[in-house]
PDB file of N, CA and C in Angstrom:
ATOM      1  N   MET A   1     -54.659  -9.251 -19.213  1.00  0.00           N
ATOM      2  CA  MET A   1     -53.069  -9.096 -19.864  1.00  0.00           C
ATOM      3  C   MET A   1     -52.386  -9.575 -18.737  1.00  0.00           C
ATOM      4  N   PHE A   2     -51.728  -8.316 -17.492  1.00  0.00           N
ATOM      5  CA  PHE A   2     -51.317  -8.490 -16.487  1.00  0.00           C
ATOM      6  C   PHE A   2     -51.591  -9.925 -15.770  1.00  0.00           C
ATOM      7  N   GLY A   3     -52.645 -10.533 -15.700  1.00  0.00           N
ATOM      8  CA  GLY A   3     -52.690 -11.980 -15.213  1.00  0.00           C
ATOM      9  C   GLY A   3     -51.730 -13.274 -16.146  1.00  0.00           C
ATOM     10  N   ILE A   4     -51.827 -12.918 -17.304  1.00  0.00           N
ATOM     11  CA  ILE A   4     -51.094 -13.336 -18.416  1.00  0.00           C
ATOM     12  C   ILE A   4     -49.515 -13.509 -17.453  1.00  0.00           C
ATOM     13  N   VAL A   5     -48.958 -11.951 -17.695  1.00  0.00           N
ATOM     14  CA  VAL A   5     -47.770 -11.932 -17.322  1.00  0.00           C
ATOM     15  C   VAL A   5     -47.410 -12.198 -15.502  1.00  0.00           C
ATOM     16  N   LYS A   6     -48.210 -11.875 -14.692  1.00  0.00           N
ATOM     17  CA  LYS A   6     -47.907 -12.940 -13.648  1.00  0.00           C
ATOM     18  C   LYS A   6     -47.807 -13.849 -13.510  1.00  0.00           C
ATOM     19  N   ALA A   7     -48.618 -14.809 -14.264  1.00  0.00           N
ATOM     20  CA  ALA A   7     -49.158 -16.222 -14.116  1.00  0.00           C
ATOM     21  C   ALA A   7     -47.234 -17.051 -15.102  1.00  0.00           C
ATOM     22  N   LEU A   8     -46.557 -16.276 -16.044  1.00  0.00           N
ATOM     23  CA  LEU A   8     -45.391 -16.303 -16.256  1.00  0.00           C
ATOM     24  C   LEU A   8     -44.805 -16.108 -15.460  1.00  0.00           C
ATOM     25  N   ILE A   9     -44.757 -15.064 -14.518  1.00  0.00           N
ATOM     26  CA  ILE A   9     -43.391 -15.087 -13.598  1.00  0.00           C
ATOM     27  C   ILE A   9     -43.264 -15.856 -12.330  1.00  0.00           C
ATOM     28  N   HIS A  10     -44.841 -16.414 -12.283  1.00  0.00           N
ATOM     29  CA  HIS A  10     -45.019 -17.317 -11.388  1.00  0.00           C
ATOM     30  C   HIS A  10     -44.216 -18.700 -11.937  1.00  0.00           C
ATOM     31  N   PHE A  11     -44.531 -19.183 -12.987  1.00  0.00           N
ATOM     32  CA  PHE A  11     -43.752 -20.258 -13.943  1.00  0.00           C
ATOM     33  C   PHE A  11     -41.978 -20.296 -13.741  1.00  0.00           C
ATOM     34  N   VAL A  12     -41.689 -19.024 -13.868  1.00  0.00           N
ATOM     35  CA  VAL A  12     -40.263 -18.970 -13.972  1.00  0.00           C
ATOM     36  C   VAL A  12     -39.528 -18.831 -12.766  1.00  0.00           C
ATOM     37  N   LEU A  13     -40.131 -18.171 -11.796  1.00  0.00           N
ATOM     38  CA  LEU A  13     -39.679 -18.214 -10.662  1.00  0.00           C
ATOM     39  C   LEU A  13     -39.944 -19.806  -9.830  1.00  0.00           C
ATOM     40  N   GLY A  14     -40.931 -20.292 -10.379  1.00  0.00           N
ATOM     41  CA  GLY A  14     -40.858 -21.805  -9.685  1.00  0.00           C
ATOM     42  C   GLY A  14     -39.976 -22.683 -10.204  1.00  0.00           C
ATOM     43  N   ILE A  15     -39.931 -22.538 -11.777  1.00  0.00           N
ATOM     44  CA  ILE A  15     -38.749 -23.277 -12.174  1.00  0.00           C
ATOM     45  C   ILE A  15     -37.176 -22.848 -11.448  1.00  0.00           C
ATOM     46  N   ILE A  16     -36.747 -21.715 -11.363  1.00  0.00           N
ATOM     47  CA  ILE A  16     -35.846 -21.263 -10.618  1.00  0.00           C
ATOM     48  C   ILE A  16     -35.976 -21.727  -9.244  1.00  0.00           C
ATOM     49  N   GLN A  17     -36.687 -21.504  -9.053  1.00  0.00           N
ATOM     50  CA  GLN A  17     -36.565 -22.149  -7.209  1.00  0.00           C
ATOM     51  C   GLN A  17     -36.537 -23.843  -7.021  1.00  0.00           C
ATOM     52  N   PHE A  18     -37.366 -24.080  -7.830  1.00  0.00           N
ATOM     53  CA  PHE A  18     -37.218 -25.981  -8.143  1.00  0.00           C
ATOM     54  C   PHE A  18     -35.672 -26.241  -8.575  1.00  0.00           C
ATOM     55  N   LEU A  19     -34.969 -25.813  -9.756  1.00  0.00           N
ATOM     56  CA  LEU A  19     -33.155 -25.811  -9.687  1.00  0.00           C
ATOM     57  C   LEU A  19     -32.599 -25.513  -8.550  1.00  0.00           C
ATOM     58  N   LEU A  20     -32.728 -24.556  -8.043  1.00  0.00           N
ATOM     59  CA  LEU A  20     -31.783 -23.757  -6.968  1.00  0.00           C
ATOM     60  C   LEU A  20     -31.842 -24.944  -5.684  1.00  0.00           C
ATOM     61  N   ALA A  21     -33.231 -25.216  -5.121  1.00  0.00           N
ATOM     62  CA  ALA A  21     -33.804 -26.210  -4.144  1.00  0.00           C
ATOM     63  C   ALA A  21     -32.887 -27.303  -4.774  1.00  0.00           C
ATOM     64  N   ILE A  22     -33.078 -28.221  -6.277  1.00  0.00           N
ATOM     65  CA  ILE A  22     -32.443 -29.460  -5.906  1.00  0.00           C
ATOM     66  C   ILE A  22     -30.570 -29.368  -5.799  1.00  0.00           C
ATOM     67  N   ARG A  23     -30.586 -28.325  -6.480  1.00  0.00           N
ATOM     68  CA  ARG A  23     -29.001 -28.247  -6.753  1.00  0.00           C
ATOM     69  C   ARG A  23     -28.674 -28.075  -4.532  1.00  0.00           C
ATOM     70  N   PHE A  24     -29.275 -27.241  -4.287  1.00  0.00           N
ATOM     71  CA  PHE A  24     -28.681 -27.152  -2.966  1.00  0.00           C
ATOM     72  C   PHE A  24     -28.715 -28.590  -2.353  1.00  0.00           C
ATOM     73  N   ILE A  25     -29.818 -29.508  -2.272  1.00  0.00           N
ATOM     74  CA  ILE A  25     -29.994 -30.498  -2.050  1.00  0.00           C
ATOM     75  C   ILE A  25     -28.828 -31.684  -2.160  1.00  0.00           C
ATOM     76  N   LEU A  26     -28.739 -31.395  -3.530  1.00  0.00           N
ATOM     77  CA  LEU A  26     -27.385 -32.130  -4.062  1.00  0.00           C
ATOM     78  C   LEU A  26     -26.076 -31.950  -3.669  1.00  0.00           C
ATOM     79  N   VAL A  27     -26.242 -31.275  -3.623  1.00  0.00           N
ATOM     80  CA  VAL A  27     -24.653 -30.188  -2.720  1.00  0.00           C
ATOM     81  C   VAL A  27     -24.173 -30.605  -1.369  1.00  0.00           C
ATOM     82  N   PHE A  28     -25.416 -30.490  -1.053  1.00  0.00           N
ATOM     83  CA  PHE A  28     -26.023 -30.858   0.700  1.00  0.00           C
ATOM     84  C   PHE A  28     -25.096 -32.360   1.036  1.00  0.00           C
ATOM     85  N   PHE A  29     -25.664 -33.236  -0.127  1.00  0.00           N
ATOM     86  CA  PHE A  29     -25.169 -34.529   0.581  1.00  0.00           C
ATOM     87  C   PHE A  29     -24.227 -35.147  -0.823  1.00  0.00           C
ATOM     88  N   SER A  30     -23.307 -33.931  -1.089  1.00  0.00           N
ATOM     89  CA  SER A  30     -22.300 -34.309  -1.989  1.00  0.00           C
ATOM     90  C   SER A  30     -22.538 -35.665  -2.946  1.00  0.00           C
ATOM     91  N   VAL A  31     -23.705 -35.109  -3.899  1.00  0.00           N
ATOM     92  CA  VAL A  31     -24.122 -36.570  -4.780  1.00  0.00           C
ATOM     93  C   VAL A  31     -22.909 -35.744  -6.169  1.00  0.00           C
ATOM     94  N   SER A  32     -22.267 -37.167  -6.662  1.00  0.00           N
ATOM     95  CA  SER A  32     -21.280 -36.550  -7.957  1.00  0.00           C
ATOM     96  C   SER A  32     -21.933 -36.374  -8.806  1.00  0.00           C
ATOM     97  N   ASN A  33     -21.581 -35.675  -9.402  1.00  0.00           N
ATOM     98  CA  ASN A  33     -21.836 -35.445 -10.943  1.00  0.00           C
ATOM     99  C   ASN A  33     -21.694 -35.842 -12.228  1.00  0.00           C
ATOM    100  N   LYS A  34     -21.323 -37.109 -12.083  1.00  0.00           N
ATOM    101  CA  LYS A  34     -21.098 -38.383 -13.123  1.00  0.00           C
ATOM    102  C   LYS A  34     -22.920 -38.671 -13.455  1.00  0.00           C
ATOM    103  N   GLY A  35     -23.594 -38.527 -12.785  1.00  0.00           N
ATOM    104  CA  GLY A  35     -24.789 -38.839 -13.359  1.00  0.00           C
ATOM    105  C   GLY A  35     -25.560 -38.446 -14.372  1.00  0.00           C
ATOM    106  N   GLN A  36     -26.598 -38.259 -15.093  1.00  0.00           N
ATOM    107  CA  GLN A  36     -26.633 -37.697 -16.119  1.00  0.00           C
ATOM    108  C   GLN A  36     -28.030 -36.700 -15.368  1.00  0.00           C
ATOM    109  N   PHE A  37     -28.289 -37.029 -14.255  1.00  0.00           N
ATOM    110  CA  PHE A  37     -29.667 -35.722 -13.606  1.00  0.00           C
ATOM    111  C   PHE A  37     -28.459 -35.080 -13.025  1.00  0.00           C
ATOM    112  N   VAL A  38     -27.617 -35.255 -12.184  1.00  0.00           N
ATOM    113  CA  VAL A  38     -26.839 -34.612 -11.024  1.00  0.00           C
ATOM    114  C   VAL A  38     -26.175 -33.544 -12.344  1.00  0.00           C
ATOM    115  N   SER A  39     -25.766 -33.926 -13.395  1.00  0.00           N
ATOM    116  CA  SER A  39     -25.028 -32.966 -13.949  1.00  0.00           C
ATOM    117  C   SER A  39     -25.527 -31.727 -14.938  1.00  0.00           C
ATOM    118  N   TRP A  40     -26.845 -32.221 -15.221  1.00  0.00           N
ATOM    119  CA  TRP A  40     -28.016 -31.408 -16.030  1.00  0.00           C
ATOM    120  C   TRP A  40     -28.774 -30.469 -15.292  1.00  0.00           C
ATOM    121  N   ILE A  41     -28.516 -30.593 -13.861  1.00  0.00           N
ATOM    122  CA  ILE A  41     -29.394 -30.023 -12.679  1.00  0.00           C
ATOM    123  C   ILE A  41     -27.791 -28.586 -12.370  1.00  0.00           C
ATOM    124  N   TYR A  42     -26.559 -28.993 -12.275  1.00  0.00           N
ATOM    125  CA  TYR A  42     -25.783 -28.207 -11.949  1.00  0.00           C
ATOM    126  C   TYR A  42     -25.508 -27.376 -13.408  1.00  0.00           C
ATOM    127  N   GLU A  43     -25.559 -27.948 -14.571  1.00  0.00           N
ATOM    128  CA  GLU A  43     -24.852 -27.360 -16.005  1.00  0.00           C
ATOM    129  C   GLU A  43     -26.262 -26.565 -16.108  1.00  0.00           C
ATOM    130  N   LYS A  44     -27.592 -26.873 -15.159  1.00  0.00           N
ATOM    131  CA  LYS A  44     -29.036 -25.439 -15.310  1.00  0.00           C
ATOM    132  C   LYS A  44     -28.788 -24.690 -14.566  1.00  0.00           C
ATOM    133  N   SER A  45     -28.461 -24.506 -13.062  1.00  0.00           N
ATOM    134  CA  SER A  45     -28.721 -23.888 -12.162  1.00  0.00           C
ATOM    135  C   SER A  45     -27.361 -23.151 -12.245  1.00  0.00           C
ATOM    136  N   ALA A  46     -26.091 -23.647 -12.634  1.00  0.00           N
ATOM    137  CA  ALA A  46     -25.123 -22.536 -12.811  1.00  0.00           C
ATOM    138  C   ALA A  46     -24.956 -21.484 -12.939  1.00  0.00           C
ATOM    139  N   PRO A  47     -25.867 -21.018 -14.149  1.00  0.00           N
ATOM    140  CA  PRO A  47     -25.934 -19.261 -14.651  1.00  0.00           C
ATOM    141  C   PRO A  47     -26.725 -19.175 -13.937  1.00  0.00           C
ATOM    142  N   ILE A  48     -27.697 -19.435 -13.310  1.00  0.00           N
ATOM    143  CA  ILE A  48     -28.527 -18.544 -12.242  1.00  0.00           C
ATOM    144  C   ILE A  48     -27.689 -18.475 -10.230  1.00  0.00           C
ATOM    145  N   VAL A  49     -26.838 -19.361 -10.678  1.00  0.00           N
ATOM    146  CA  VAL A  49     -26.186 -18.919  -9.398  1.00  0.00           C
ATOM    147  C   VAL A  49     -24.894 -17.794  -9.625  1.00  0.00           C
ATOM    148  N   SER A  50     -24.289 -18.162 -10.543  1.00  0.00           N
ATOM    149  CA  SER A  50     -23.369 -17.357 -11.191  1.00  0.00           C
ATOM    150  C   SER A  50     -23.515 -15.702 -10.999  1.00  0.00           C
ATOM    151  N   PRO A  51     -24.449 -15.142 -11.432  1.00  0.00           N
ATOM    152  CA  PRO A  51     -24.284 -13.700 -11.178  1.00  0.00           C
ATOM    153  C   PRO A  51     -24.379 -13.314 -10.392  1.00  0.00           C
ATOM    154  N   LEU A  52     -24.576 -14.038  -8.748  1.00  0.00           N
ATOM    155  CA  LEU A  52     -24.194 -13.615  -7.151  1.00  0.00           C
ATOM    156  C   LEU A  52     -22.565 -13.684  -6.810  1.00  0.00           C
ATOM    157  N   GLY A  53     -21.998 -14.344  -7.708  1.00  0.00           N
ATOM    158  CA  GLY A  53     -20.846 -15.043  -7.818  1.00  0.00           C
ATOM    159  C   GLY A  53     -20.510 -15.500  -6.260  1.00  0.00           C
ATOM    160  N   ASN A  54     -19.047 -15.879  -5.839  1.00  0.00           N
ATOM    161  CA  ASN A  54     -18.906 -16.634  -4.374  1.00  0.00           C
ATOM    162  C   ASN A  54     -18.964 -16.069  -3.764  1.00  0.00           C
ATOM    163  N   ILE A  55     -20.164 -15.260  -2.774  1.00  0.00           N
ATOM    164  CA  ILE A  55     -20.030 -14.707  -1.944  1.00  0.00           C
ATOM    165  C   ILE A  55     -19.729 -14.877  -0.721  1.00  0.00           C
ATOM    166  N   PHE A  56     -20.438 -16.438  -0.573  1.00  0.00           N
ATOM    167  CA  PHE A  56     -20.452 -16.971   0.800  1.00  0.00           C
ATOM    168  C   PHE A  56     -19.147 -18.229   0.644  1.00  0.00           C
ATOM    169  N   LYS A  57     -18.533 -18.281   1.491  1.00  0.00           N
ATOM    170  CA  LYS A  57     -17.923 -20.191   1.989  1.00  0.00           C
ATOM    171  C   LYS A  57     -18.970 -20.942   1.650  1.00  0.00           C
ATOM    172  N   ASP A  58     -18.751 -22.292   1.559  1.00  0.00           N
ATOM    173  CA  ASP A  58     -19.265 -23.135   1.913  1.00  0.00           C
ATOM    174  C   ASP A  58     -18.818 -23.630   3.374  1.00  0.00           C
ATOM    175  N   TRP A  59     -19.890 -24.194   3.765  1.00  0.00           N
ATOM    176  CA  TRP A  59     -19.597 -24.856   5.068  1.00  0.00           C
ATOM    177  C   TRP A  59     -19.826 -26.429   4.909  1.00  0.00           C
ATOM    178  N   LYS A  60     -18.413 -27.212   5.308  1.00  0.00           N
ATOM    179  CA  LYS A  60     -18.632 -28.805   5.538  1.00  0.00           C
ATOM    180  C   LYS A  60     -19.004 -29.244   7.171  1.00  0.00           C
ATOM    181  N   LEU A  61     -19.813 -29.679   7.115  1.00  0.00           N
ATOM    182  CA  LEU A  61     -20.689 -30.721   8.138  1.00  0.00           C
ATOM    183  C   LEU A  61     -20.253 -31.859   7.821  1.00  0.00           C
ATOM    184  N   GLY A  62     -19.315 -32.600   8.397  1.00  0.00           N
ATOM    185  CA  GLY A  62     -18.810 -33.602   8.267  1.00  0.00           C
ATOM    186  C   GLY A  62     -19.082 -34.397   6.685  1.00  0.00           C
ATOM    187  N   SER A  63     -19.652 -35.129   6.122  1.00  0.00           N
ATOM    188  CA  SER A  63     -19.358 -35.472   5.238  1.00  0.00           C
ATOM    189  C   SER A  63     -20.792 -34.079   4.247  1.00  0.00           C
ATOM    190  N   PHE A  64     -21.349 -33.488   4.765  1.00  0.00           N
ATOM    191  CA  PHE A  64     -21.944 -32.857   3.884  1.00  0.00           C
ATOM    192  C   PHE A  64     -21.896 -31.247   4.130  1.00  0.00           C
ATOM    193  N   ILE A  65     -22.136 -30.335   2.838  1.00  0.00           N
ATOM    194  CA  ILE A  65     -21.571 -29.097   2.512  1.00  0.00           C
ATOM    195  C   ILE A  65     -22.939 -28.305   2.579  1.00  0.00           C
ATOM    196  N   VAL A  66     -22.969 -27.260   3.101  1.00  0.00           N
ATOM    197  CA  VAL A  66     -24.193 -26.357   2.745  1.00  0.00           C
ATOM    198  C   VAL A  66     -23.817 -25.170   1.793  1.00  0.00           C
ATOM    199  N   SER A  67     -24.009 -25.271   1.313  1.00  0.00           N
ATOM    200  CA  SER A  67     -24.021 -24.203  -0.027  1.00  0.00           C
ATOM    201  C   SER A  67     -24.533 -22.767  -0.078  1.00  0.00           C
ATOM    202  N   PHE A  68     -24.089 -21.776   0.765  1.00  0.00           N
ATOM    203  CA  PHE A  68     -24.653 -20.793   1.201  1.00  0.00           C
ATOM    204  C   PHE A  68     -24.824 -19.850  -0.129  1.00  0.00           C
ATOM    205  N   ASN A  69     -23.863 -20.062  -1.328  1.00  0.00           N
ATOM    206  CA  ASN A  69     -24.131 -19.364  -2.358  1.00  0.00           C
ATOM    207  C   ASN A  69     -25.263 -19.458  -2.812  1.00  0.00           C
ATOM    208  N   THR A  70     -26.174 -20.740  -3.212  1.00  0.00           N
ATOM    209  CA  THR A  70     -26.929 -21.742  -3.593  1.00  0.00           C
ATOM    210  C   THR A  70     -28.145 -20.819  -2.924  1.00  0.00           C
ATOM    211  N   LEU A  71     -28.145 -21.171  -1.281  1.00  0.00           N
ATOM    212  CA  LEU A  71     -29.214 -20.556  -0.539  1.00  0.00           C
ATOM    213  C   LEU A  71     -29.637 -19.018  -0.524  1.00  0.00           C
ATOM    214  N   PHE A  72     -27.985 -18.315  -0.894  1.00  0.00           N
ATOM    215  CA  PHE A  72     -28.373 -16.899  -0.756  1.00  0.00           C
ATOM    216  C   PHE A  72     -29.316 -16.856  -2.589  1.00  0.00           C
ATOM    217  N   ALA A  73     -28.602 -17.395  -3.390  1.00  0.00           N
ATOM    218  CA  ALA A  73     -29.453 -16.834  -4.683  1.00  0.00           C
ATOM    219  C   ALA A  73     -30.922 -17.651  -4.677  1.00  0.00           C
ATOM    220  N   LEU A  74     -31.232 -18.717  -4.008  1.00  0.00           N
ATOM    221  CA  LEU A  74     -32.566 -18.757  -3.857  1.00  0.00           C
ATOM    222  C   LEU A  74     -33.546 -17.750  -3.353  1.00  0.00           C
ATOM    223  N   ILE A  75     -32.984 -17.119  -1.904  1.00  0.00           N
ATOM    224  CA  ILE A  75     -33.515 -15.961  -1.494  1.00  0.00           C
ATOM    225  C   ILE A  75     -33.480 -14.702  -2.606  1.00  0.00           C
ATOM    226  N   VAL A  76     -32.485 -14.732  -3.099  1.00  0.00           N
ATOM    227  CA  VAL A  76     -32.490 -13.112  -3.881  1.00  0.00           C
ATOM    228  C   VAL A  76     -34.044 -13.298  -4.740  1.00  0.00           C
ATOM    229  N   TYR A  77     -33.486 -14.395  -5.869  1.00  0.00           N
ATOM    230  CA  TYR A  77     -34.490 -14.511  -6.781  1.00  0.00           C
ATOM    231  C   TYR A  77     -36.184 -14.634  -6.320  1.00  0.00           C
ATOM    232  N   SER A  78     -36.272 -15.351  -5.144  1.00  0.00           N
ATOM    233  CA  SER A  78     -37.587 -15.185  -4.698  1.00  0.00           C
ATOM    234  C   SER A  78     -37.889 -13.919  -4.351  1.00  0.00           C
ATOM    235  N   LEU A  79     -37.233 -13.274  -3.339  1.00  0.00           N
ATOM    236  CA  LEU A  79     -37.482 -11.589  -3.422  1.00  0.00           C
ATOM    237  C   LEU A  79     -37.554 -10.911  -4.560  1.00  0.00           C
ATOM    238  N   ALA A  80     -37.082 -11.261  -5.602  1.00  0.00           N
ATOM    239  CA  ALA A  80     -37.155 -10.015  -6.692  1.00  0.00           C
ATOM    240  C   ALA A  80     -38.138 -10.929  -7.209  1.00  0.00           C
ATOM    241  N   GLY A  81     -38.977 -12.323  -7.169  1.00  0.00           N
ATOM    242  CA  GLY A  81     -40.091 -12.236  -8.261  1.00  0.00           C
ATOM    243  C   GLY A  81     -40.957 -12.037  -7.355  1.00  0.00           C
ATOM    244  N   TYR A  82     -41.461 -11.788  -5.976  1.00  0.00           N
ATOM    245  CA  TYR A  82     -42.250 -11.013  -4.648  1.00  0.00           C
ATOM    246  C   TYR A  82     -42.238  -9.832  -4.960  1.00  0.00           C
ATOM    247  N   LEU A  83     -41.307  -8.967  -5.924  1.00  0.00           N
ATOM    248  CA  LEU A  83     -41.164  -7.677  -6.032  1.00  0.00           C
ATOM    249  C   LEU A  83     -41.845  -7.585  -7.089  1.00  0.00           C
ATOM    250  N   ILE A  84     -41.405  -7.942  -7.746  1.00  0.00           N
ATOM    251  CA  ILE A  84     -41.626  -8.017  -9.517  1.00  0.00           C
ATOM    252  C   ILE A  84     -43.508  -7.787  -9.206  1.00  0.00           C
ATOM    253  N   LEU A  85     -43.856  -8.992  -8.318  1.00  0.00           N
ATOM    254  CA  LEU A  85     -45.122  -9.276  -8.647  1.00  0.00           C
ATOM    255  C   LEU A  85     -46.020  -8.278  -7.967  1.00  0.00           C
ATOM    256  N   GLN A  86     -45.273  -7.843  -6.555  1.00  0.00           N
ATOM    257  CA  GLN A  86     -45.981  -6.721  -5.985  1.00  0.00           C
ATOM    258  C   GLN A  86     -46.337  -5.438  -7.067  1.00  0.00           C
ATOM    259  N   ILE A  87     -44.863  -5.125  -7.852  1.00  0.00           N
ATOM    260  CA  ILE A  87     -44.956  -4.064  -8.663  1.00  0.00           C
ATOM    261  C   ILE A  87     -46.651  -4.565  -9.894  1.00  0.00           C
ATOM    262  N   PHE A  88     -46.668  -5.382 -10.512  1.00  0.00           N
ATOM    263  CA  PHE A  88     -47.588  -5.828 -11.340  1.00  0.00           C
ATOM    264  C   PHE A  88     -48.697  -5.699 -10.535  1.00  0.00           C
ATOM    265  N   ASN A  89     -48.977  -5.808  -9.223  1.00  0.00           N
ATOM    266  CA  ASN A  89     -50.451  -5.976  -8.334  1.00  0.00           C
ATOM    267  C   ASN A  89     -50.493  -4.548  -8.007  1.00  0.00           C
ATOM    268  N   SER A  90     -49.786  -3.781  -8.179  1.00  0.00           N
ATOM    269  CA  SER A  90     -49.950  -2.133  -7.817  1.00  0.00           C
ATOM    270  C   SER A  90     -50.418  -1.494  -8.891  1.00  0.00           C
ATOM    271  N   PHE A  91     -50.252  -2.143 -10.405  1.00  0.00           N
ATOM    272  CA  PHE A  91     -50.669  -1.587 -11.877  1.00  0.00           C
ATOM    273  C   PHE A  91     -51.688  -2.120 -12.238  1.00  0.00           C
ATOM    274  N   SER A  92     -51.673  -3.594 -11.663  1.00  0.00           N
ATOM    275  CA  SER A  92     -53.226  -3.657 -12.224  1.00  0.00           C
ATOM    276  C   SER A  92     -54.471  -3.396 -11.259  1.00  0.00           C
ATOM    277  N   THR A  93     -54.567  -3.188  -9.644  1.00  0.00           N
ATOM    278  CA  THR A  93     -55.277  -2.599  -9.018  1.00  0.00           C
ATOM    279  C   THR A  93     -55.901  -0.899  -9.412  1.00  0.00           C
ATOM    280  N   LYS A  94     -54.520  -0.230  -9.599  1.00  0.00           N
ATOM    281  CA  LYS A  94     -54.568   1.133 -10.736  1.00  0.00           C
ATOM    282  C   LYS A  94     -55.739   1.291 -11.671  1.00  0.00           C
ATOM    283  N   LYS A  95     -55.051   0.475 -12.810  1.00  0.00           N
ATOM    284  CA  LYS A  95     -56.016  -0.258 -13.614  1.00  0.00           C
ATOM    285  C   LYS A  95     -57.527  -0.218 -13.144  1.00  0.00           C
ATOM    286  N   LYS A  96     -57.611  -0.883 -12.322  1.00  0.00           N
ATOM    287  CA  LYS A  96     -59.145  -0.996 -11.884  1.00  0.00           C
ATOM    288  C   LYS A  96     -59.876   0.028 -11.491  1.00  0.00           C
ATOM    289  N   ASN A  97     -59.260   0.752 -10.430  1.00  0.00           N
ATOM    290  CA  ASN A  97     -59.725   1.609  -9.540  1.00  0.00           C
ATOM    291  C   ASN A  97     -59.608   2.860 -11.185  1.00  0.00           C
ATOM    292  N   LYS A  98     -59.077   3.335 -12.121  1.00  0.00           N
ATOM    293  CA  LYS A  98     -59.286   4.109 -13.068  1.00  0.00           C
ATOM    294  C   LYS A  98     -60.366   3.622 -13.833  1.00  0.00           C
ATOM    295  N   ALA A  99     -60.960   2.604 -13.908  1.00  0.00           N
ATOM    296  CA  ALA A  99     -62.076   1.919 -14.891  1.00  0.00           C
ATOM    297  C   ALA A  99     -63.213   2.030 -13.928  1.00  0.00           C
ATOM    298  N   VAL A 100     -63.325   2.341 -12.420  1.00  0.00           N
ATOM    299  CA  VAL A 100     -64.651   2.264 -11.916  1.00  0.00           C
ATOM    300  C   VAL A 100     -64.833   3.420 -12.348  1.00  0.00           C
TER     301      VAL A 100
END
């Protein structure tokens, strides 16, 4: 049971990390959102970034933009996923110890 839940958490976290990483790269290179793929990435990743709000300002480095909000969201979701997985690991080890 816990294996399926942990695999699902890994899967969802992987999708979130992929979307945020692609968004970070697209924003960094100031890619126009006129293309379907870029527009789709921005559309799908916006709800993931928006709960954290606009905490940080973006840095402009010449023609490049560093989106600290996206980077912060990537870190927060990664840490949250890690903590959730650690909780499931502690439950699964306790369950194994009781069975022995």
